[in-house]
Amino acid sequence: MVKPAQKVDLDRISGTRRSTGPIVRDLSRPTYESAPVTTRGRAFGNGWTWLVVTLANLALLLVVAFAAVVGPPVLECRERAKTGFFTGQTLMGCVDEATRRRMEHLENWIGTVLRGSGR
């Protein structure tokens, strides 16, 4: 077995790799020189930006989904409240029942799409 001439210091190698920034060709100069980029290899700025953007996207998705599932039953029950409910029925009961029906319909639709049967 061959022994290396000197011990390899991985910290030194990885430190020098990180210190050299990516090189981008600067087309605005007539000599087409390469200019160093000063982003330090980070695409989103500091280290927490990706988490904030991901949480904001998730919150927006949940708000839109909630509005699509619960919004129409609330509006429908508010219209029905103007004419009157059946005996013992309340606005919240109407919204609960309509939302449950809408969720069951959504689950059935997703199931048929996943099975590939469609309609």
PDB file of N, CA and C in Angstrom:
ATOM      1  N   MET A   1       0.839  -1.168   0.000  1.00  0.00           N
ATOM      2  CA  MET A   1       0.000   0.000   0.000  1.00  0.00           C
ATOM      3  C   MET A   1       0.887   1.235   0.000  1.00  0.00           C
ATOM      4  N   VAL A   2       0.484   2.236  -0.786  1.00  0.00           N
ATOM      5  CA  VAL A   2       1.268   3.448  -0.928  1.00  0.00           C
ATOM      6  C   VAL A   2       0.765   4.486   0.063  1.00  0.00           C
ATOM      7  N   LYS A   3       1.709   5.122   0.778  1.00  0.00           N
ATOM      8  CA  LYS A   3       1.350   6.164   1.721  1.00  0.00           C
ATOM      9  C   LYS A   3       1.501   7.525   1.039  1.00  0.00           C
ATOM     10  N   PRO A   4       0.592   8.470   1.336  1.00  0.00           N
ATOM     11  CA  PRO A   4       0.723   9.791   0.721  1.00  0.00           C
ATOM     12  C   PRO A   4       1.946  10.521   1.255  1.00  0.00           C
ATOM     13  N   ALA A   5       2.488  11.397   0.410  1.00  0.00           N
ATOM     14  CA  ALA A   5       3.688  12.139   0.780  1.00  0.00           C
ATOM     15  C   ALA A   5       3.396  13.087   1.942  1.00  0.00           C
ATOM     16  N   GLN A   6       2.210  13.664   1.972  1.00  0.00           N
ATOM     17  CA  GLN A   6       1.843  14.537   3.079  1.00  0.00           C
ATOM     18  C   GLN A   6       0.378  14.304   3.426  1.00  0.00           C
ATOM     19  N   LYS A   7       0.019  14.641   4.644  1.00  0.00           N
ATOM     20  CA  LYS A   7      -1.341  14.434   5.098  1.00  0.00           C
ATOM     21  C   LYS A   7      -2.273  15.455   4.431  1.00  0.00           C
ATOM     22  N   VAL A   8      -3.415  14.994   3.958  1.00  0.00           N
ATOM     23  CA  VAL A   8      -4.389  15.858   3.292  1.00  0.00           C
ATOM     24  C   VAL A   8      -5.273  16.510   4.350  1.00  0.00           C
ATOM     25  N   ASP A   9      -5.320  17.814   4.353  1.00  0.00           N
ATOM     26  CA  ASP A   9      -6.139  18.562   5.298  1.00  0.00           C
ATOM     27  C   ASP A   9      -7.442  18.954   4.597  1.00  0.00           C
ATOM     28  N   LEU A  10      -8.522  18.213   4.906  1.00  0.00           N
ATOM     29  CA  LEU A  10      -9.797  18.450   4.220  1.00  0.00           C
ATOM     30  C   LEU A  10     -10.395  19.807   4.561  1.00  0.00           C
ATOM     31  N   ASP A  11     -10.169  20.284   5.782  1.00  0.00           N
ATOM     32  CA  ASP A  11     -10.687  21.608   6.146  1.00  0.00           C
ATOM     33  C   ASP A  11     -10.035  22.700   5.299  1.00  0.00           C
ATOM     34  N   ARG A  12      -8.737  22.570   5.066  1.00  0.00           N
ATOM     35  CA  ARG A  12      -8.036  23.561   4.255  1.00  0.00           C
ATOM     36  C   ARG A  12      -8.522  23.504   2.811  1.00  0.00           C
ATOM     37  N   ILE A  13      -8.728  22.312   2.296  1.00  0.00           N
ATOM     38  CA  ILE A  13      -9.182  22.168   0.904  1.00  0.00           C
ATOM     39  C   ILE A  13     -10.599  22.716   0.748  1.00  0.00           C
ATOM     40  N   SER A  14     -11.503  22.344   1.671  1.00  0.00           N
ATOM     41  CA  SER A  14     -12.876  22.837   1.546  1.00  0.00           C
ATOM     42  C   SER A  14     -12.946  24.339   1.795  1.00  0.00           C
ATOM     43  N   GLY A  15     -12.088  24.867   2.648  1.00  0.00           N
ATOM     44  CA  GLY A  15     -12.054  26.310   2.881  1.00  0.00           C
ATOM     45  C   GLY A  15     -11.615  27.074   1.661  1.00  0.00           C
ATOM     46  N   THR A  16     -10.655  26.553   0.931  1.00  0.00           N
ATOM     47  CA  THR A  16     -10.212  27.240  -0.282  1.00  0.00           C
ATOM     48  C   THR A  16     -11.235  27.088  -1.395  1.00  0.00           C
ATOM     49  N   ARG A  17     -11.952  25.987  -1.414  1.00  0.00           N
ATOM     50  CA  ARG A  17     -12.991  25.824  -2.434  1.00  0.00           C
ATOM     51  C   ARG A  17     -14.101  26.835  -2.249  1.00  0.00           C
ATOM     52  N   ARG A  18     -14.489  27.076  -0.997  1.00  0.00           N
ATOM     53  CA  ARG A  18     -15.580  28.016  -0.739  1.00  0.00           C
ATOM     54  C   ARG A  18     -15.157  29.464  -0.963  1.00  0.00           C
ATOM     55  N   SER A  19     -13.882  29.734  -0.804  1.00  0.00           N
ATOM     56  CA  SER A  19     -13.465  31.122  -0.923  1.00  0.00           C
ATOM     57  C   SER A  19     -13.423  31.591  -2.373  1.00  0.00           C
ATOM     58  N   THR A  20     -13.262  30.690  -3.315  1.00  0.00           N
ATOM     59  CA  THR A  20     -13.257  31.097  -4.717  1.00  0.00           C
ATOM     60  C   THR A  20     -14.689  31.157  -5.208  1.00  0.00           C
ATOM     61  N   GLY A  21     -15.121  32.300  -5.667  1.00  0.00           N
ATOM     62  CA  GLY A  21     -16.481  32.484  -6.136  1.00  0.00           C
ATOM     63  C   GLY A  21     -16.632  32.012  -7.572  1.00  0.00           C
ATOM     64  N   PRO A  22     -17.856  31.830  -8.007  1.00  0.00           N
ATOM     65  CA  PRO A  22     -18.068  31.442  -9.393  1.00  0.00           C
ATOM     66  C   PRO A  22     -17.677  32.573 -10.339  1.00  0.00           C
ATOM     67  N   ILE A  23     -17.236  32.212 -11.502  1.00  0.00           N
ATOM     68  CA  ILE A  23     -16.801  33.188 -12.496  1.00  0.00           C
ATOM     69  C   ILE A  23     -17.877  33.287 -13.577  1.00  0.00           C
ATOM     70  N   VAL A  24     -18.260  34.511 -13.904  1.00  0.00           N
ATOM     71  CA  VAL A  24     -19.282  34.764 -14.913  1.00  0.00           C
ATOM     72  C   VAL A  24     -18.688  35.683 -15.967  1.00  0.00           C
ATOM     73  N   ARG A  25     -18.947  35.372 -17.210  1.00  0.00           N
ATOM     74  CA  ARG A  25     -18.431  36.208 -18.287  1.00  0.00           C
ATOM     75  C   ARG A  25     -19.211  37.509 -18.336  1.00  0.00           C
ATOM     76  N   ASP A  26     -18.496  38.612 -18.331  1.00  0.00           N
ATOM     77  CA  ASP A  26     -19.104  39.935 -18.368  1.00  0.00           C
ATOM     78  C   ASP A  26     -19.168  40.380 -19.823  1.00  0.00           C
ATOM     79  N   LEU A  27     -20.368  40.340 -20.414  1.00  0.00           N
ATOM     80  CA  LEU A  27     -20.531  40.673 -21.829  1.00  0.00           C
ATOM     81  C   LEU A  27     -20.639  42.171 -22.066  1.00  0.00           C
ATOM     82  N   SER A  28     -20.666  42.964 -20.995  1.00  0.00           N
ATOM     83  CA  SER A  28     -20.756  44.410 -21.177  1.00  0.00           C
ATOM     84  C   SER A  28     -19.391  45.019 -21.486  1.00  0.00           C
ATOM     85  N   ARG A  29     -18.325  44.290 -21.237  1.00  0.00           N
ATOM     86  CA  ARG A  29     -16.995  44.795 -21.530  1.00  0.00           C
ATOM     87  C   ARG A  29     -16.565  44.333 -22.917  1.00  0.00           C
ATOM     88  N   PRO A  30     -15.861  45.182 -23.634  1.00  0.00           N
ATOM     89  CA  PRO A  30     -15.499  44.816 -25.009  1.00  0.00           C
ATOM     90  C   PRO A  30     -14.485  43.666 -25.072  1.00  0.00           C
ATOM     91  N   THR A  31     -13.726  43.429 -24.014  1.00  0.00           N
ATOM     92  CA  THR A  31     -12.721  42.364 -24.076  1.00  0.00           C
ATOM     93  C   THR A  31     -13.271  41.022 -23.611  1.00  0.00           C
ATOM     94  N   TYR A  32     -14.551  40.978 -23.216  1.00  0.00           N
ATOM     95  CA  TYR A  32     -15.197  39.747 -22.734  1.00  0.00           C
ATOM     96  C   TYR A  32     -14.414  39.124 -21.583  1.00  0.00           C
ATOM     97  N   GLU A  33     -14.021  39.972 -20.660  1.00  0.00           N
ATOM     98  CA  GLU A  33     -13.292  39.491 -19.504  1.00  0.00           C
ATOM     99  C   GLU A  33     -14.247  38.768 -18.562  1.00  0.00           C
ATOM    100  N   SER A  34     -13.673  37.941 -17.717  1.00  0.00           N
ATOM    101  CA  SER A  34     -14.466  37.284 -16.686  1.00  0.00           C
ATOM    102  C   SER A  34     -14.424  38.132 -15.432  1.00  0.00           C
ATOM    103  N   ALA A  35     -15.588  38.309 -14.822  1.00  0.00           N
ATOM    104  CA  ALA A  35     -15.681  39.109 -13.608  1.00  0.00           C
ATOM    105  C   ALA A  35     -16.193  38.222 -12.478  1.00  0.00           C
ATOM    106  N   PRO A  36     -15.621  38.323 -11.283  1.00  0.00           N
ATOM    107  CA  PRO A  36     -16.099  37.496 -10.177  1.00  0.00           C
ATOM    108  C   PRO A  36     -17.476  37.950  -9.691  1.00  0.00           C
ATOM    109  N   VAL A  37     -18.280  37.000  -9.272  1.00  0.00           N
ATOM    110  CA  VAL A  37     -19.611  37.275  -8.749  1.00  0.00           C
ATOM    111  C   VAL A  37     -19.506  37.317  -7.233  1.00  0.00           C
ATOM    112  N   THR A  38     -20.170  38.293  -6.611  1.00  0.00           N
ATOM    113  CA  THR A  38     -20.019  38.480  -5.174  1.00  0.00           C
ATOM    114  C   THR A  38     -21.203  37.927  -4.380  1.00  0.00           C
ATOM    115  N   THR A  39     -21.862  36.863  -4.848  1.00  0.00           N
ATOM    116  CA  THR A  39     -22.995  36.302  -4.108  1.00  0.00           C
ATOM    117  C   THR A  39     -22.551  35.303  -3.060  1.00  0.00           C
ATOM    118  N   ARG A  40     -21.302  34.949  -3.027  1.00  0.00           N
ATOM    119  CA  ARG A  40     -20.751  33.965  -2.106  1.00  0.00           C
ATOM    120  C   ARG A  40     -21.481  32.633  -2.217  1.00  0.00           C
ATOM    121  N   GLY A  41     -21.991  32.319  -3.382  1.00  0.00           N
ATOM    122  CA  GLY A  41     -22.612  31.026  -3.614  1.00  0.00           C
ATOM    123  C   GLY A  41     -24.007  30.853  -3.047  1.00  0.00           C
ATOM    124  N   ARG A  42     -24.632  31.911  -2.577  1.00  0.00           N
ATOM    125  CA  ARG A  42     -25.969  31.808  -1.997  1.00  0.00           C
ATOM    126  C   ARG A  42     -26.995  32.358  -2.978  1.00  0.00           C
ATOM    127  N   ALA A  43     -27.949  31.527  -3.315  1.00  0.00           N
ATOM    128  CA  ALA A  43     -28.942  31.928  -4.300  1.00  0.00           C
ATOM    129  C   ALA A  43     -30.033  32.804  -3.709  1.00  0.00           C
ATOM    130  N   PHE A  44     -30.336  32.656  -2.410  1.00  0.00           N
ATOM    131  CA  PHE A  44     -31.454  33.363  -1.805  1.00  0.00           C
ATOM    132  C   PHE A  44     -31.026  34.390  -0.771  1.00  0.00           C
ATOM    133  N   GLY A  45     -29.827  34.875  -0.811  1.00  0.00           N
ATOM    134  CA  GLY A  45     -29.410  35.837   0.200  1.00  0.00           C
ATOM    135  C   GLY A  45     -28.942  35.135   1.456  1.00  0.00           C
ATOM    136  N   ASN A  46     -29.547  35.447   2.602  1.00  0.00           N
ATOM    137  CA  ASN A  46     -29.114  34.786   3.828  1.00  0.00           C
ATOM    138  C   ASN A  46     -29.710  33.385   3.922  1.00  0.00           C
ATOM    139  N   GLY A  47     -29.355  32.639   4.931  1.00  0.00           N
ATOM    140  CA  GLY A  47     -29.735  31.237   5.027  1.00  0.00           C
ATOM    141  C   GLY A  47     -31.187  30.966   5.360  1.00  0.00           C
ATOM    142  N   TRP A  48     -31.937  31.956   5.846  1.00  0.00           N
ATOM    143  CA  TRP A  48     -33.314  31.732   6.250  1.00  0.00           C
ATOM    144  C   TRP A  48     -34.333  32.155   5.201  1.00  0.00           C
ATOM    145  N   THR A  49     -33.898  32.755   4.138  1.00  0.00           N
ATOM    146  CA  THR A  49     -34.834  33.277   3.138  1.00  0.00           C
ATOM    147  C   THR A  49     -35.645  32.163   2.492  1.00  0.00           C
ATOM    148  N   TRP A  50     -34.995  31.039   2.195  1.00  0.00           N
ATOM    149  CA  TRP A  50     -35.721  29.933   1.558  1.00  0.00           C
ATOM    150  C   TRP A  50     -36.829  29.418   2.460  1.00  0.00           C
ATOM    151  N   LEU A  51     -36.595  29.404   3.788  1.00  0.00           N
ATOM    152  CA  LEU A  51     -37.609  28.932   4.719  1.00  0.00           C
ATOM    153  C   LEU A  51     -38.792  29.897   4.764  1.00  0.00           C
ATOM    154  N   VAL A  52     -38.513  31.184   4.791  1.00  0.00           N
ATOM    155  CA  VAL A  52     -39.578  32.185   4.817  1.00  0.00           C
ATOM    156  C   VAL A  52     -40.401  32.118   3.537  1.00  0.00           C
ATOM    157  N   VAL A  53     -39.746  31.985   2.399  1.00  0.00           N
ATOM    158  CA  VAL A  53     -40.459  31.902   1.115  1.00  0.00           C
ATOM    159  C   VAL A  53     -41.303  30.627   1.062  1.00  0.00           C
ATOM    160  N   THR A  54     -40.763  29.512   1.544  1.00  0.00           N
ATOM    161  CA  THR A  54     -41.508  28.257   1.545  1.00  0.00           C
ATOM    162  C   THR A  54     -42.731  28.345   2.451  1.00  0.00           C
ATOM    163  N   LEU A  55     -42.576  28.916   3.636  1.00  0.00           N
ATOM    164  CA  LEU A  55     -43.716  29.060   4.543  1.00  0.00           C
ATOM    165  C   LEU A  55     -44.768  30.017   3.981  1.00  0.00           C
ATOM    166  N   ALA A  56     -44.334  31.084   3.323  1.00  0.00           N
ATOM    167  CA  ALA A  56     -45.284  32.014   2.709  1.00  0.00           C
ATOM    168  C   ALA A  56     -46.063  31.329   1.581  1.00  0.00           C
ATOM    169  N   ASN A  57     -45.382  30.535   0.772  1.00  0.00           N
ATOM    170  CA  ASN A  57     -46.068  29.807  -0.303  1.00  0.00           C
ATOM    171  C   ASN A  57     -47.054  28.796   0.260  1.00  0.00           C
ATOM    172  N   LEU A  58     -46.663  28.098   1.318  1.00  0.00           N
ATOM    173  CA  LEU A  58     -47.553  27.121   1.940  1.00  0.00           C
ATOM    174  C   LEU A  58     -48.773  27.816   2.546  1.00  0.00           C
ATOM    175  N   ALA A  59     -48.572  28.943   3.208  1.00  0.00           N
ATOM    176  CA  ALA A  59     -49.690  29.679   3.792  1.00  0.00           C
ATOM    177  C   ALA A  59     -50.649  30.175   2.703  1.00  0.00           C
ATOM    178  N   LEU A  60     -50.098  30.668   1.611  1.00  0.00           N
ATOM    179  CA  LEU A  60     -50.940  31.127   0.507  1.00  0.00           C
ATOM    180  C   LEU A  60     -51.744  29.980  -0.093  1.00  0.00           C
ATOM    181  N   LEU A  61     -51.109  28.829  -0.241  1.00  0.00           N
ATOM    182  CA  LEU A  61     -51.803  27.654  -0.770  1.00  0.00           C
ATOM    183  C   LEU A  61     -52.930  27.225   0.160  1.00  0.00           C
ATOM    184  N   LEU A  62     -52.686  27.221   1.470  1.00  0.00           N
ATOM    185  CA  LEU A  62     -53.717  26.829   2.423  1.00  0.00           C
ATOM    186  C   LEU A  62     -54.877  27.822   2.449  1.00  0.00           C
ATOM    187  N   VAL A  63     -54.582  29.104   2.341  1.00  0.00           N
ATOM    188  CA  VAL A  63     -55.643  30.114   2.329  1.00  0.00           C
ATOM    189  C   VAL A  63     -56.515  29.959   1.090  1.00  0.00           C
ATOM    190  N   VAL A  64     -55.893  29.732  -0.057  1.00  0.00           N
ATOM    191  CA  VAL A  64     -56.666  29.559  -1.295  1.00  0.00           C
ATOM    192  C   VAL A  64     -57.496  28.283  -1.230  1.00  0.00           C
ATOM    193  N   ALA A  65     -56.899  27.189  -0.732  1.00  0.00           N
ATOM    194  CA  ALA A  65     -57.642  25.929  -0.620  1.00  0.00           C
ATOM    195  C   ALA A  65     -58.794  26.068   0.370  1.00  0.00           C
ATOM    196  N   PHE A  66     -58.552  26.728   1.499  1.00  0.00           N
ATOM    197  CA  PHE A  66     -59.603  26.932   2.488  1.00  0.00           C
ATOM    198  C   PHE A  66     -60.735  27.769   1.905  1.00  0.00           C
ATOM    199  N   ALA A  67     -60.390  28.804   1.173  1.00  0.00           N
ATOM    200  CA  ALA A  67     -61.420  29.661   0.570  1.00  0.00           C
ATOM    201  C   ALA A  67     -62.210  28.905  -0.491  1.00  0.00           C
ATOM    202  N   ALA A  68     -61.546  28.004  -1.220  1.00  0.00           N
ATOM    203  CA  ALA A  68     -62.243  27.261  -2.271  1.00  0.00           C
ATOM    204  C   ALA A  68     -63.177  26.207  -1.694  1.00  0.00           C
ATOM    205  N   VAL A  69     -62.826  25.651  -0.532  1.00  0.00           N
ATOM    206  CA  VAL A  69     -63.655  24.600   0.060  1.00  0.00           C
ATOM    207  C   VAL A  69     -64.742  25.187   0.954  1.00  0.00           C
ATOM    208  N   VAL A  70     -64.414  26.191   1.743  1.00  0.00           N
ATOM    209  CA  VAL A  70     -65.362  26.712   2.726  1.00  0.00           C
ATOM    210  C   VAL A  70     -66.122  27.945   2.205  1.00  0.00           C
ATOM    211  N   GLY A  71     -65.545  28.670   1.286  1.00  0.00           N
ATOM    212  CA  GLY A  71     -66.176  29.898   0.807  1.00  0.00           C
ATOM    213  C   GLY A  71     -67.548  29.714   0.195  1.00  0.00           C
ATOM    214  N   PRO A  72     -67.706  28.836  -0.792  1.00  0.00           N
ATOM    215  CA  PRO A  72     -69.034  28.677  -1.400  1.00  0.00           C
ATOM    216  C   PRO A  72     -70.126  28.206  -0.430  1.00  0.00           C
ATOM    217  N   PRO A  73     -69.856  27.249   0.483  1.00  0.00           N
ATOM    218  CA  PRO A  73     -70.925  26.890   1.429  1.00  0.00           C
ATOM    219  C   PRO A  73     -71.338  28.041   2.341  1.00  0.00           C
ATOM    220  N   VAL A  74     -70.395  28.871   2.757  1.00  0.00           N
ATOM    221  CA  VAL A  74     -70.735  30.008   3.616  1.00  0.00           C
ATOM    222  C   VAL A  74     -71.634  30.984   2.858  1.00  0.00           C
ATOM    223  N   LEU A  75     -71.270  31.280   1.618  1.00  0.00           N
ATOM    224  CA  LEU A  75     -72.102  32.196   0.833  1.00  0.00           C
ATOM    225  C   LEU A  75     -73.480  31.614   0.563  1.00  0.00           C
ATOM    226  N   GLU A  76     -73.536  30.310   0.278  1.00  0.00           N
ATOM    227  CA  GLU A  76     -74.827  29.659   0.024  1.00  0.00           C
ATOM    228  C   GLU A  76     -75.707  29.673   1.275  1.00  0.00           C
ATOM    229  N   CYS A  77     -75.131  29.405   2.425  1.00  0.00           N
ATOM    230  CA  CYS A  77     -75.913  29.387   3.666  1.00  0.00           C
ATOM    231  C   CYS A  77     -76.345  30.798   4.078  1.00  0.00           C
ATOM    232  N   ARG A  78     -75.549  31.795   3.769  1.00  0.00           N
ATOM    233  CA  ARG A  78     -75.955  33.166   4.071  1.00  0.00           C
ATOM    234  C   ARG A  78     -77.162  33.562   3.223  1.00  0.00           C
ATOM    235  N   GLU A  79     -77.175  33.115   1.964  1.00  0.00           N
ATOM    236  CA  GLU A  79     -78.340  33.392   1.115  1.00  0.00           C
ATOM    237  C   GLU A  79     -79.570  32.648   1.636  1.00  0.00           C
ATOM    238  N   ARG A  80     -79.352  31.400   2.086  1.00  0.00           N
ATOM    239  CA  ARG A  80     -80.465  30.612   2.604  1.00  0.00           C
ATOM    240  C   ARG A  80     -80.988  31.195   3.924  1.00  0.00           C
ATOM    241  N   ALA A  81     -80.103  31.838   4.695  1.00  0.00           N
ATOM    242  CA  ALA A  81     -80.521  32.435   5.971  1.00  0.00           C
ATOM    243  C   ALA A  81     -81.497  33.590   5.749  1.00  0.00           C
ATOM    244  N   LYS A  82     -81.410  34.242   4.607  1.00  0.00           N
ATOM    245  CA  LYS A  82     -82.326  35.350   4.315  1.00  0.00           C
ATOM    246  C   LYS A  82     -83.765  34.850   4.164  1.00  0.00           C
ATOM    247  N   THR A  83     -83.928  33.660   3.567  1.00  0.00           N
ATOM    248  CA  THR A  83     -85.269  33.107   3.378  1.00  0.00           C
ATOM    249  C   THR A  83     -85.721  32.298   4.577  1.00  0.00           C
ATOM    250  N   GLY A  84     -84.776  31.816   5.379  1.00  0.00           N
ATOM    251  CA  GLY A  84     -85.127  31.056   6.579  1.00  0.00           C
ATOM    252  C   GLY A  84     -84.679  29.610   6.484  1.00  0.00           C
ATOM    253  N   PHE A  85     -84.321  29.060   7.635  1.00  0.00           N
ATOM    254  CA  PHE A  85     -83.880  27.668   7.702  1.00  0.00           C
ATOM    255  C   PHE A  85     -85.042  26.782   8.106  1.00  0.00           C
ATOM    256  N   PHE A  86     -84.810  25.473   8.019  1.00  0.00           N
ATOM    257  CA  PHE A  86     -85.777  24.525   8.554  1.00  0.00           C
ATOM    258  C   PHE A  86     -85.723  24.587  10.081  1.00  0.00           C
ATOM    259  N   THR A  87     -86.666  23.988  10.736  1.00  0.00           N
ATOM    260  CA  THR A  87     -86.732  24.019  12.194  1.00  0.00           C
ATOM    261  C   THR A  87     -85.498  23.349  12.793  1.00  0.00           C
ATOM    262  N   GLY A  88     -84.836  24.041  13.695  1.00  0.00           N
ATOM    263  CA  GLY A  88     -83.665  23.490  14.383  1.00  0.00           C
ATOM    264  C   GLY A  88     -82.356  23.694  13.647  1.00  0.00           C
ATOM    265  N   GLN A  89     -82.389  24.217  12.449  1.00  0.00           N
ATOM    266  CA  GLN A  89     -81.155  24.417  11.687  1.00  0.00           C
ATOM    267  C   GLN A  89     -80.626  25.824  11.931  1.00  0.00           C
ATOM    268  N   THR A  90     -79.302  25.928  12.074  1.00  0.00           N
ATOM    269  CA  THR A  90     -78.664  27.227  12.284  1.00  0.00           C
ATOM    270  C   THR A  90     -77.707  27.508  11.140  1.00  0.00           C
ATOM    271  N   LEU A  91     -77.171  28.718  11.126  1.00  0.00           N
ATOM    272  CA  LEU A  91     -76.217  29.085  10.090  1.00  0.00           C
ATOM    273  C   LEU A  91     -74.968  28.204  10.173  1.00  0.00           C
ATOM    274  N   MET A  92     -74.438  28.010  11.391  1.00  0.00           N
ATOM    275  CA  MET A  92     -73.230  27.188  11.538  1.00  0.00           C
ATOM    276  C   MET A  92     -73.507  25.728  11.191  1.00  0.00           C
ATOM    277  N   GLY A  93     -74.689  25.239  11.515  1.00  0.00           N
ATOM    278  CA  GLY A  93     -75.049  23.866  11.143  1.00  0.00           C
ATOM    279  C   GLY A  93     -75.133  23.713   9.631  1.00  0.00           C
ATOM    280  N   CYS A  94     -75.704  24.712   8.980  1.00  0.00           N
ATOM    281  CA  CYS A  94     -75.794  24.693   7.519  1.00  0.00           C
ATOM    282  C   CYS A  94     -74.413  24.725   6.881  1.00  0.00           C
ATOM    283  N   VAL A  95     -73.540  25.590   7.396  1.00  0.00           N
ATOM    284  CA  VAL A  95     -72.178  25.685   6.864  1.00  0.00           C
ATOM    285  C   VAL A  95     -71.429  24.382   7.086  1.00  0.00           C
ATOM    286  N   ASP A  96     -71.593  23.779   8.270  1.00  0.00           N
ATOM    287  CA  ASP A  96     -70.923  22.519   8.582  1.00  0.00           C
ATOM    288  C   ASP A  96     -71.373  21.408   7.632  1.00  0.00           C
ATOM    289  N   GLU A  97     -72.673  21.307   7.420  1.00  0.00           N
ATOM    290  CA  GLU A  97     -73.205  20.264   6.538  1.00  0.00           C
ATOM    291  C   GLU A  97     -72.769  20.484   5.085  1.00  0.00           C
ATOM    292  N   ALA A  98     -72.840  21.715   4.616  1.00  0.00           N
ATOM    293  CA  ALA A  98     -72.447  21.993   3.234  1.00  0.00           C
ATOM    294  C   ALA A  98     -70.948  21.782   3.027  1.00  0.00           C
ATOM    295  N   THR A  99     -70.138  22.147   4.019  1.00  0.00           N
ATOM    296  CA  THR A  99     -68.697  21.932   3.914  1.00  0.00           C
ATOM    297  C   THR A  99     -68.379  20.446   3.921  1.00  0.00           C
ATOM    298  N   ARG A 100     -69.061  19.692   4.758  1.00  0.00           N
ATOM    299  CA  ARG A 100     -68.842  18.246   4.792  1.00  0.00           C
ATOM    300  C   ARG A 100     -69.181  17.610   3.444  1.00  0.00           C
ATOM    301  N   ARG A 101     -70.322  18.024   2.849  1.00  0.00           N
ATOM    302  CA  ARG A 101     -70.690  17.499   1.527  1.00  0.00           C
ATOM    303  C   ARG A 101     -69.642  17.852   0.483  1.00  0.00           C
ATOM    304  N   ARG A 102     -69.154  19.093   0.542  1.00  0.00           N
ATOM    305  CA  ARG A 102     -68.145  19.545  -0.429  1.00  0.00           C
ATOM    306  C   ARG A 102     -66.833  18.765  -0.264  1.00  0.00           C
ATOM    307  N   MET A 103     -66.429  18.505   0.980  1.00  0.00           N
ATOM    308  CA  MET A 103     -65.199  17.733   1.232  1.00  0.00           C
ATOM    309  C   MET A 103     -65.352  16.296   0.750  1.00  0.00           C
ATOM    310  N   GLU A 104     -66.516  15.678   0.979  1.00  0.00           N
ATOM    311  CA  GLU A 104     -66.749  14.323   0.493  1.00  0.00           C
ATOM    312  C   GLU A 104     -66.699  14.279  -1.027  1.00  0.00           C
ATOM    313  N   HIS A 105     -67.294  15.282  -1.663  1.00  0.00           N
ATOM    314  CA  HIS A 105     -67.242  15.346  -3.132  1.00  0.00           C
ATOM    315  C   HIS A 105     -65.795  15.492  -3.618  1.00  0.00           C
ATOM    316  N   LEU A 106     -65.012  16.338  -2.939  1.00  0.00           N
ATOM    317  CA  LEU A 106     -63.612  16.534  -3.306  1.00  0.00           C
ATOM    318  C   LEU A 106     -62.815  15.247  -3.117  1.00  0.00           C
ATOM    319  N   GLU A 107     -63.026  14.537  -2.006  1.00  0.00           N
ATOM    320  CA  GLU A 107     -62.327  13.275  -1.774  1.00  0.00           C
ATOM    321  C   GLU A 107     -62.694  12.238  -2.828  1.00  0.00           C
ATOM    322  N   ASN A 108     -63.971  12.150  -3.186  1.00  0.00           N
ATOM    323  CA  ASN A 108     -64.388  11.202  -4.231  1.00  0.00           C
ATOM    324  C   ASN A 108     -63.768  11.555  -5.574  1.00  0.00           C
ATOM    325  N   TRP A 109     -63.723  12.835  -5.889  1.00  0.00           N
ATOM    326  CA  TRP A 109     -63.133  13.265  -7.159  1.00  0.00           C
ATOM    327  C   TRP A 109     -61.646  12.941  -7.202  1.00  0.00           C
ATOM    328  N   ILE A 110     -60.925  13.215  -6.106  1.00  0.00           N
ATOM    329  CA  ILE A 110     -59.490  12.905  -6.061  1.00  0.00           C
ATOM    330  C   ILE A 110     -59.277  11.402  -6.180  1.00  0.00           C
ATOM    331  N   GLY A 111     -60.132  10.611  -5.528  1.00  0.00           N
ATOM    332  CA  GLY A 111     -60.020   9.152  -5.631  1.00  0.00           C
ATOM    333  C   GLY A 111     -60.208   8.654  -7.053  1.00  0.00           C
ATOM    334  N   THR A 112     -61.195   9.197  -7.764  1.00  0.00           N
ATOM    335  CA  THR A 112     -61.412   8.752  -9.145  1.00  0.00           C
ATOM    336  C   THR A 112     -60.274   9.193 -10.055  1.00  0.00           C
ATOM    337  N   VAL A 113     -59.712  10.369  -9.801  1.00  0.00           N
ATOM    338  CA  VAL A 113     -58.588  10.821 -10.617  1.00  0.00           C
ATOM    339  C   VAL A 113     -57.373   9.943 -10.369  1.00  0.00           C
ATOM    340  N   LEU A 114     -57.118   9.604  -9.102  1.00  0.00           N
ATOM    341  CA  LEU A 114     -55.963   8.771  -8.789  1.00  0.00           C
ATOM    342  C   LEU A 114     -56.112   7.356  -9.330  1.00  0.00           C
ATOM    343  N   ARG A 115     -57.322   6.840  -9.343  1.00  0.00           N
ATOM    344  CA  ARG A 115     -57.545   5.514  -9.901  1.00  0.00           C
ATOM    345  C   ARG A 115     -57.519   5.544 -11.428  1.00  0.00           C
ATOM    346  N   GLY A 116     -57.629   6.713 -12.007  1.00  0.00           N
ATOM    347  CA  GLY A 116     -57.593   6.847 -13.463  1.00  0.00           C
ATOM    348  C   GLY A 116     -58.905   6.540 -14.130  1.00  0.00           C
ATOM    349  N   SER A 117     -59.988   6.417 -13.354  1.00  0.00           N
ATOM    350  CA  SER A 117     -61.270   6.088 -13.975  1.00  0.00           C
ATOM    351  C   SER A 117     -61.937   7.318 -14.556  1.00  0.00           C
ATOM    352  N   GLY A 118     -61.768   8.452 -13.925  1.00  0.00           N
ATOM    353  CA  GLY A 118     -62.355   9.689 -14.430  1.00  0.00           C
ATOM    354  C   GLY A 118     -63.860   9.614 -14.508  1.00  0.00           C
ATOM    355  N   ARG A 119     -64.437  10.579 -15.222  1.00  0.00           N
ATOM    356  CA  ARG A 119     -65.889  10.569 -15.436  1.00  0.00           C
ATOM    357  C   ARG A 119     -66.201  10.840 -16.867  1.00  0.00           C
TER     358      ARG A 119
END
